[in-house]
Structures are given as C-alpha cells and as structure tokens.
C-alpha cells in the first residue's frame, strides 16, 4: 500500500461537535490520491498495514483536527 499521508478522524456528537481524543478512523490518502477511511480495527488489513508502517518508522499519523 503506497500511502501519501494519514490523519485521525474524531467522533462527532449529535450536535456536530467533534469529540477530542476519540478517533473513529484514519483518513488515508494513497499515492494515486484515492482516499480511504480505515477503521481502528486490528483485524482490518489496511489498518494492520498502516500500523506496520508506523512501527517501522515509515509513516506518521497526523492528529485529528480539533
């Protein structure tokens, strides 16, 4: 998976307010500009690959917007 960048996406409450420090997925932009919203699920193969690259120091996940 050729990843350009990753950024956490926080949960939103019923009023549309972001809930800080409570991410629900990782917005992932690939080299071909395709965007994936990857759930924080270790059984998800895309999530597992993202975390492999993070652990290898090849990728950093940006914090969510506040």
Protein backbone atom coordinates (compact mmCIF):
# COMPACT_ATOMS: atom_id res chain seq x y z
CA UNK A 1 0.00 0.00 0.00
CA UNK A 2 1.60 3.27 -1.14
CA UNK A 3 0.40 5.86 1.37
CA UNK A 4 0.85 9.61 0.97
CA UNK A 5 -0.46 10.55 4.42
CA UNK A 6 -2.75 9.54 7.26
CA UNK A 7 -4.81 11.55 9.72
CA UNK A 8 -7.04 10.53 12.61
CA UNK A 9 -10.73 11.46 12.37
CA UNK A 10 -12.57 12.09 15.67
CA UNK A 11 -16.10 11.11 16.58
CA UNK A 12 -18.78 13.78 16.30
CA UNK A 13 -21.65 14.22 18.79
CA UNK A 14 -25.31 14.68 17.81
CA UNK A 15 -24.81 18.47 17.56
CA UNK A 16 -21.92 18.06 15.12
CA UNK A 17 -19.21 18.88 17.67
CA UNK A 18 -16.01 16.87 17.42
CA UNK A 19 -15.20 14.78 20.46
CA UNK A 20 -11.49 15.40 21.13
CA UNK A 21 -9.12 12.49 21.65
CA UNK A 22 -11.69 9.92 20.49
CA UNK A 23 -10.74 8.87 16.95
CA UNK A 24 -13.01 6.55 14.99
CA UNK A 25 -10.90 6.02 11.89
CA UNK A 26 -7.82 7.03 9.95
CA UNK A 27 -8.31 9.10 6.80
CA UNK A 28 -5.69 7.67 4.45
CA UNK A 29 -4.61 9.27 1.19
CA UNK A 30 -2.89 6.91 -1.21
CA UNK A 31 -0.27 7.86 -3.82
CA UNK A 32 -2.96 7.88 -6.55
CA UNK A 33 -4.99 10.37 -4.41
CA UNK A 34 -7.61 7.73 -3.55
CA UNK A 35 -8.94 8.35 -0.03
CA UNK A 36 -9.78 5.55 2.40
CA UNK A 37 -11.41 5.82 5.81
CA UNK A 38 -9.80 2.96 7.69
CA UNK A 39 -11.46 1.78 10.92
CA UNK A 40 -9.32 1.34 14.04
CA UNK A 41 -9.63 -2.43 13.87
CA UNK A 42 -6.55 -4.67 14.15
CA UNK A 43 -8.34 -7.28 12.02
CA UNK A 44 -8.67 -4.79 9.14
CA UNK A 45 -5.82 -5.44 6.67
CA UNK A 46 -5.44 -1.75 5.76
CA UNK A 47 -5.22 -0.77 9.44
CA UNK A 48 -2.67 -3.54 10.04
CA UNK A 49 -0.54 -2.25 7.14
CA UNK A 50 -0.74 1.35 8.35
CA UNK A 51 0.36 0.30 11.83
CA UNK A 52 3.18 -1.83 10.37
CA UNK A 53 4.48 1.24 8.53
CA UNK A 54 4.11 3.41 11.66
CA UNK A 55 6.00 0.84 13.77
CA UNK A 56 8.75 0.68 11.10
CA UNK A 57 9.12 4.48 11.23
CA UNK A 58 7.98 4.81 7.61
CA UNK A 59 4.74 6.66 8.33
CA UNK A 60 3.29 9.11 10.86
CA UNK A 61 -0.42 9.54 11.54
CA UNK A 62 -1.37 13.21 11.94
CA UNK A 63 -3.61 14.10 14.89
CA UNK A 64 -7.27 14.86 14.24
CA UNK A 65 -8.47 18.44 13.77
CA UNK A 66 -9.87 19.92 16.94
